[in-house]
Protein backbone atom coordinates (compact mmCIF):
# COMPACT_ATOMS: atom_id res chain seq x y z
CA MET A 1 0.00 0.00 0.00
CA ASN A 2 1.31 3.45 -0.94
CA THR A 3 0.64 6.15 1.65
CA LEU A 4 0.78 9.93 1.34
CA VAL A 5 1.63 11.75 4.58
CA LEU A 6 0.79 15.40 5.22
CA VAL A 7 3.85 17.16 6.65
CA GLU A 8 3.27 19.97 9.13
CA HIS A 9 6.13 22.45 9.01
CA ASP A 10 7.26 26.06 9.37
CA ASN A 11 8.95 26.08 5.92
CA ASP A 12 12.29 25.21 7.52
CA SER A 13 11.66 22.31 9.90
CA VAL A 14 9.13 19.52 10.38
CA ALA A 15 6.71 19.55 13.32
CA ASP A 16 6.91 16.71 15.86
CA ALA A 17 3.32 15.65 15.06
CA THR A 18 4.47 14.53 11.61
CA LEU A 19 7.04 12.11 13.01
CA ALA A 20 4.37 9.98 14.71
CA VAL A 21 2.32 9.99 11.50
CA VAL A 22 5.30 8.65 9.53
CA THR A 23 5.56 5.76 12.01
CA ALA A 24 1.83 4.99 11.65
CA ALA A 25 1.92 5.25 7.85
CA GLY A 26 4.95 2.96 7.75
CA LYS A 27 2.81 0.18 9.21
CA LEU A 28 0.61 0.42 6.10
CA GLY A 29 3.35 0.41 3.49
CA ASP A 30 5.59 2.74 1.49
CA VAL A 31 5.62 6.33 2.79
CA THR A 32 5.64 9.46 0.63
CA ALA A 33 5.73 12.82 2.43
CA LEU A 34 3.88 15.84 1.06
CA VAL A 35 5.40 19.23 1.90
CA ALA A 36 3.02 21.98 0.77
CA GLY A 37 3.95 25.58 1.44
CA SER A 38 5.62 28.70 0.16
CA ASN A 39 9.43 28.81 0.12
CA CYS A 40 9.38 25.42 1.83
CA ALA A 41 12.62 23.91 0.47
CA GLY A 42 14.07 23.70 3.99
CA ALA A 43 11.11 21.68 5.23
CA ALA A 44 11.33 19.37 2.21
CA ASP A 45 15.02 18.74 2.94
CA ALA A 46 14.18 17.99 6.58
CA ALA A 47 11.37 15.62 5.55
CA ALA A 48 13.72 13.77 3.21
CA LYS A 49 15.98 12.93 6.19
CA ILE A 50 13.18 11.34 8.25
CA SER A 51 13.73 7.63 8.69
CA GLY A 52 11.06 5.65 6.86
CA VAL A 53 10.23 8.24 4.20
CA SER A 54 10.96 6.98 0.68
CA LYS A 55 9.97 10.07 -1.32
CA VAL A 56 9.10 13.72 -0.70
CA LEU A 57 6.65 15.65 -2.86
CA LYS A 58 7.25 19.40 -2.65
CA ALA A 59 4.39 21.71 -3.64
CA ASP A 60 5.99 25.17 -3.41
CA ASP A 61 3.35 27.78 -4.20
CA PRO A 62 2.09 30.91 -2.39
CA ALA A 63 -1.38 29.31 -2.45
CA TYR A 64 -0.18 26.64 -0.01
CA ALA A 65 1.34 29.01 2.53
CA ASN A 66 -0.07 28.45 6.04
CA LEU A 67 -1.66 25.16 4.86
CA LEU A 68 -5.02 26.72 4.02
CA ALA A 69 -7.32 23.70 3.86
CA GLU A 70 -9.40 25.05 0.96
CA ASN A 71 -6.25 25.11 -1.20
CA VAL A 72 -4.34 22.09 0.11
CA ALA A 73 -7.25 19.60 0.01
CA PRO A 74 -7.67 19.77 -3.81
CA LEU A 75 -3.91 19.28 -4.19
CA VAL A 76 -4.04 16.15 -2.01
CA ALA A 77 -7.13 14.81 -3.80
CA LYS A 78 -5.33 15.17 -7.14
CA LEU A 79 -2.20 13.40 -5.85
CA MET A 80 -4.28 10.56 -4.38
CA GLU A 81 -4.71 9.14 -7.88
CA GLY A 82 -1.38 7.44 -7.24
CA TYR A 83 -1.83 6.52 -3.56
CA ASP A 84 -3.95 4.16 -1.48
CA ALA A 85 -4.06 6.15 1.76
CA PHE A 86 -3.76 9.74 2.92
CA VAL A 87 -2.49 10.03 6.51
CA ALA A 88 -2.47 13.29 8.50
CA PRO A 89 -1.80 14.24 12.12
CA ALA A 90 -4.87 14.82 14.31
CA THR A 91 -3.90 18.47 14.75
CA THR A 92 -5.77 21.63 13.83
CA ASN A 93 -4.40 21.51 10.28
CA GLY A 94 -4.88 17.77 9.88
CA LYS A 95 -8.47 17.90 11.14
CA ASN A 96 -9.16 20.79 8.77
CA ILE A 97 -7.67 19.24 5.63
CA ALA A 98 -8.47 15.51 5.95
CA PRO A 99 -12.31 15.78 5.95
CA ARG A 100 -12.18 17.88 2.80
CA VAL A 101 -9.97 15.29 1.12
CA ALA A 102 -12.34 12.51 2.19
CA ALA A 103 -15.30 14.42 0.77
CA GLN A 104 -13.56 14.98 -2.57
CA LEU A 105 -12.62 11.29 -2.77
CA ASP A 106 -16.13 10.27 -1.61
CA VAL A 107 -14.80 8.03 1.17
CA MET A 108 -15.32 7.78 4.93
CA GLN A 109 -12.58 9.32 7.07
CA ILE A 110 -11.11 7.25 9.91
CA SER A 111 -10.25 9.66 12.69
CA ASP A 112 -7.75 9.70 15.54
CA ILE A 113 -6.38 6.17 15.14
CA LEU A 114 -4.45 4.61 18.03
CA SER A 115 -3.05 1.54 16.25
CA VAL A 116 -2.89 -0.22 12.89
CA GLU A 117 -4.41 -3.69 13.16
CA GLY A 118 -4.37 -4.63 9.47
CA GLU A 119 -4.22 -3.17 5.98
CA LYS A 120 -7.61 -1.49 6.46
CA SER A 121 -8.25 -2.14 10.16
CA PHE A 122 -7.55 0.31 12.98
CA THR A 123 -8.40 1.14 16.58
CA ARG A 124 -9.71 4.54 17.62
CA PRO A 125 -11.19 6.04 20.82
CA ILE A 126 -14.93 6.62 21.23
CA TYR A 127 -17.02 8.05 24.09
CA ALA A 128 -14.23 10.48 25.05
CA GLY A 129 -11.73 7.64 25.20
CA ASN A 130 -13.77 5.47 27.57
CA ALA A 131 -13.98 2.75 24.92
CA ILE A 132 -11.70 1.71 22.07
CA ALA A 133 -13.37 0.68 18.81
CA THR A 134 -11.81 -1.50 16.13
CA VAL A 135 -12.92 -0.26 12.72
CA GLU A 136 -12.37 -1.64 9.22
CA SER A 137 -12.79 0.29 6.00
CA SER A 138 -14.23 -1.05 2.74
CA ASP A 139 -13.43 2.12 0.78
CA PRO A 140 -10.98 1.88 -2.15
CA LYS A 141 -8.85 4.67 -0.64
CA LEU A 142 -8.23 5.55 2.99
CA VAL A 143 -8.21 8.97 4.66
CA ILE A 144 -6.81 8.74 8.20
CA THR A 145 -5.87 11.08 11.03
CA VAL A 146 -3.41 9.86 13.66
CA ARG A 147 -3.30 10.58 17.40
CA GLY A 148 0.33 11.55 17.80
CA THR A 149 0.69 10.32 21.38
CA ALA A 150 -0.18 6.74 20.34
CA PHE A 151 2.84 6.16 18.08
CA ASP A 152 6.58 6.49 18.53
CA LYS A 153 8.20 9.36 16.67
CA ALA A 154 10.24 8.49 13.60
CA GLU A 155 13.92 9.43 13.70
CA THR A 156 14.69 12.81 12.13
CA GLU A 157 17.99 11.52 10.71
CA GLY A 158 18.92 8.50 8.66
CA GLY A 159 16.60 8.92 5.70
CA SER A 160 17.69 9.82 2.18
CA ALA A 161 14.46 10.28 0.26
CA SER A 162 14.33 11.87 -3.17
CA ILE A 163 12.51 15.20 -3.54
CA GLU A 164 10.10 15.72 -6.43
CA ASP A 165 8.36 18.99 -7.33
CA VAL A 166 4.59 18.76 -7.84
CA SER A 167 1.87 21.28 -8.61
CA GLY A 168 -1.84 21.49 -7.94
CA PRO A 169 -4.90 23.59 -8.64
CA GLY A 170 -3.43 26.50 -6.67
CA ASP A 171 -5.56 29.17 -5.00
CA ALA A 172 -9.23 28.17 -4.80
CA GLY A 173 -10.15 31.79 -4.13
CA VAL A 174 -12.49 31.02 -1.23
CA SER A 175 -10.26 31.82 1.75
CA SER A 176 -7.23 33.89 2.62
CA PHE A 177 -4.76 34.06 5.48
CA VAL A 178 -5.14 37.30 7.42
CA SER A 179 -2.84 37.10 10.44
CA GLU A 180 -1.74 35.01 13.39
CA GLU A 181 -0.76 35.80 16.95
CA ILE A 182 1.84 33.44 18.35
CA ALA A 183 2.32 33.35 22.10
CA ALA A 184 6.04 33.24 22.84
CA SER A 185 7.09 31.21 25.87
CA GLU A 186 10.35 29.91 27.29
CA ARG A 187 8.49 26.88 28.61
CA PRO A 188 8.19 23.66 26.55
CA GLU A 189 5.23 23.40 24.17
CA LEU A 190 2.50 21.23 25.67
CA THR A 191 2.45 18.46 23.07
CA SER A 192 6.22 17.93 23.28
CA ALA A 193 6.86 18.60 27.00
CA LYS A 194 8.20 15.72 29.10
CA VAL A 195 6.68 17.19 32.28
CA ILE A 196 3.40 19.10 32.47
CA VAL A 197 1.91 20.95 35.42
CA SER A 198 -1.82 21.59 34.98
CA GLY A 199 -4.22 23.64 37.08
CA GLY A 200 -7.99 23.55 37.41
CA ARG A 201 -10.89 25.75 38.42
CA ALA A 202 -10.04 25.30 42.12
CA LEU A 203 -7.26 27.87 41.67
CA LYS A 204 -9.97 30.58 41.85
CA ASP A 205 -8.55 33.16 39.40
CA GLY A 206 -5.76 33.94 36.95
CA GLU A 207 -3.56 35.66 39.51
CA THR A 208 -3.70 32.66 41.86
CA PHE A 209 -3.03 30.31 38.94
CA GLU A 210 0.11 32.32 38.17
CA GLN A 211 1.26 32.30 41.81
CA ILE A 212 0.68 28.58 42.43
CA ILE A 213 1.34 26.80 39.11
CA MET A 214 4.07 28.84 37.43
CA PRO A 215 6.80 28.58 40.12
CA LEU A 216 6.39 24.79 40.26
CA ALA A 217 6.51 24.53 36.45
CA ASP A 218 9.65 26.70 36.38
CA LYS A 219 11.37 24.50 38.99
CA LEU A 220 10.58 21.37 36.95
CA GLY A 221 11.22 22.89 33.51
CA ALA A 222 7.67 21.86 32.70
CA GLY A 223 4.98 22.90 30.26
CA VAL A 224 1.85 24.48 31.72
CA GLY A 225 -1.64 23.13 31.07
CA ALA A 226 -5.13 23.71 32.35
CA SER A 227 -8.55 22.14 32.48
CA ARG A 228 -11.34 23.45 30.28
CA ALA A 229 -13.04 24.89 33.36
CA ALA A 230 -9.96 27.00 34.13
CA VAL A 231 -9.73 28.18 30.52
CA ASP A 232 -13.45 28.98 30.32
CA ALA A 233 -13.16 30.95 33.56
CA GLY A 234 -10.45 33.08 31.96
CA TYR A 235 -7.54 32.04 34.19
CA VAL A 236 -5.30 31.20 31.20
CA PRO A 237 -5.45 31.34 27.37
CA ASN A 238 -7.06 28.61 25.21
CA ASP A 239 -3.72 27.17 24.10
CA TYR A 240 -3.15 25.91 27.67
CA GLN A 241 -6.20 23.63 27.52
CA VAL A 242 -5.66 19.87 27.86
CA GLY A 243 -8.55 17.58 27.02
CA GLN A 244 -10.87 16.26 24.38
CA THR A 245 -11.47 19.75 22.98
CA GLY A 246 -7.94 20.93 23.79
CA LYS A 247 -4.54 19.29 23.37
CA ILE A 248 -3.87 15.58 23.69
CA VAL A 249 -0.69 15.01 25.69
CA ALA A 250 1.29 12.05 26.98
CA PRO A 251 4.29 13.37 28.94
CA GLU A 252 6.58 11.39 31.22
CA VAL A 253 4.98 13.15 34.22
CA TYR A 254 1.61 14.91 34.40
CA ILE A 255 0.81 16.84 37.58
CA ALA A 256 -2.88 17.71 37.97
CA ILE A 257 -3.49 20.39 40.61
CA GLY A 258 -7.03 21.25 41.64
CA ILE A 259 -8.46 19.29 38.71
CA SER A 260 -11.44 17.06 39.49
CA GLY A 261 -10.88 14.79 36.49
CA ALA A 262 -13.91 15.19 34.23
CA ILE A 263 -14.09 12.76 31.30
CA GLN A 264 -13.29 15.59 28.89
CA HIS A 265 -9.99 16.29 30.66
CA LEU A 266 -9.00 12.65 31.18
CA ALA A 267 -9.36 12.02 27.44
CA GLY A 268 -6.47 14.40 26.85
CA MET A 269 -3.93 13.18 29.41
CA LYS A 270 -4.63 9.67 30.67
CA ASP A 271 -1.90 8.18 28.43
CA SER A 272 0.73 10.05 30.47
CA LYS A 273 3.43 7.74 31.87
CA THR A 274 3.04 8.95 35.48
CA ILE A 275 0.05 10.96 36.72
CA ILE A 276 0.28 12.87 40.00
CA ALA A 277 -2.90 14.42 41.41
CA ILE A 278 -3.28 16.99 44.18
CA ASN A 279 -6.86 17.64 45.29
CA LYS A 280 -8.59 18.12 48.62
CA ASP A 281 -11.58 15.99 47.50
CA GLU A 282 -10.60 12.36 48.04
CA ASP A 283 -13.51 11.24 45.85
CA ALA A 284 -12.39 13.27 42.82
CA PRO A 285 -12.36 11.12 39.64
CA ILE A 286 -8.76 12.16 38.91
CA PHE A 287 -7.57 9.79 41.66
CA GLN A 288 -8.94 6.82 39.68
CA VAL A 289 -6.30 7.33 36.97
CA ALA A 290 -3.53 8.84 39.13
CA ASP A 291 -0.39 6.84 39.92
CA VAL A 292 0.30 9.11 42.89
CA GLY A 293 -2.45 10.97 44.72
CA LEU A 294 -2.19 13.59 47.45
CA VAL A 295 -5.37 14.56 49.29
CA ALA A 296 -4.48 18.02 50.51
CA ASP A 297 -5.22 21.72 50.25
CA LEU A 298 -3.36 22.76 47.11
CA PHE A 299 -2.79 26.29 48.46
CA LYS A 300 -0.57 24.80 51.18
CA ALA A 301 0.78 21.65 49.51
CA VAL A 302 1.95 23.11 46.20
CA PRO A 303 4.01 26.02 47.63
CA GLU A 304 5.60 23.55 50.08
CA LEU A 305 6.44 21.20 47.21
CA THR A 306 7.87 24.05 45.16
CA GLU A 307 9.99 25.22 48.08
CA LYS A 308 11.42 21.75 48.73
CA LEU A 309 12.38 21.39 45.05
């Protein structure tokens, strides 16, 4: 089976999410990487070095800058004449592009896969991750999104794929990129952090969140996350949110402070290697998934912990 992988990039380097997708696609067969962008030669060179990639298709056109789904999807649909499966990361871009590709190919998308069980058989989470379904496709071509935390990341060195220039329909004329605001932070990005410290609604307000969570995260060199309740209450920005409607993470250590453990939140972090929970409610659902639980007042326990570190 020939697979076409969507590469997420910044025109110079390849995003970590792509590396897990390459591993998943490799279980299906031969892997071709698609780098679509504007002035994206650096990203194409980086993709060619990824272990497991046999060919890189470079679509360098201003229409594909910022991976606008309305422009990229027709390009992918055209290229799929020569491929059996299109595989994308389950990120904002992947979730935006893949459904459009599936619609143009008139096939059913298989979303958020956790494993490859056969040539057309996969597992994926349902009911917010409370059950795992095994699904099998009967479509002639596959369109798949991959949960990055479920697969090992491919090595960024060792590959020597050829790079081939391709073209597509170009600008569809139905959308345009206006601007973006990128929050700069010295802390690790959530989806790649090895340690994450997350806070919940129990922290009362944004100022308290800053006083309690940030010093501990700084001591541990950790990324900072939050529950949806904390984000909705305005304590922190949306990009801190961990959960089914936020970011899916699987760090080495996840510290949940003042988080009750609603299903929506657990769906985003329960694959973490070690989960530590601090909550004064001993019946909080978070303790059912925690490896280490501390029933205590977070306003006393967390500053003490930070001080001892």
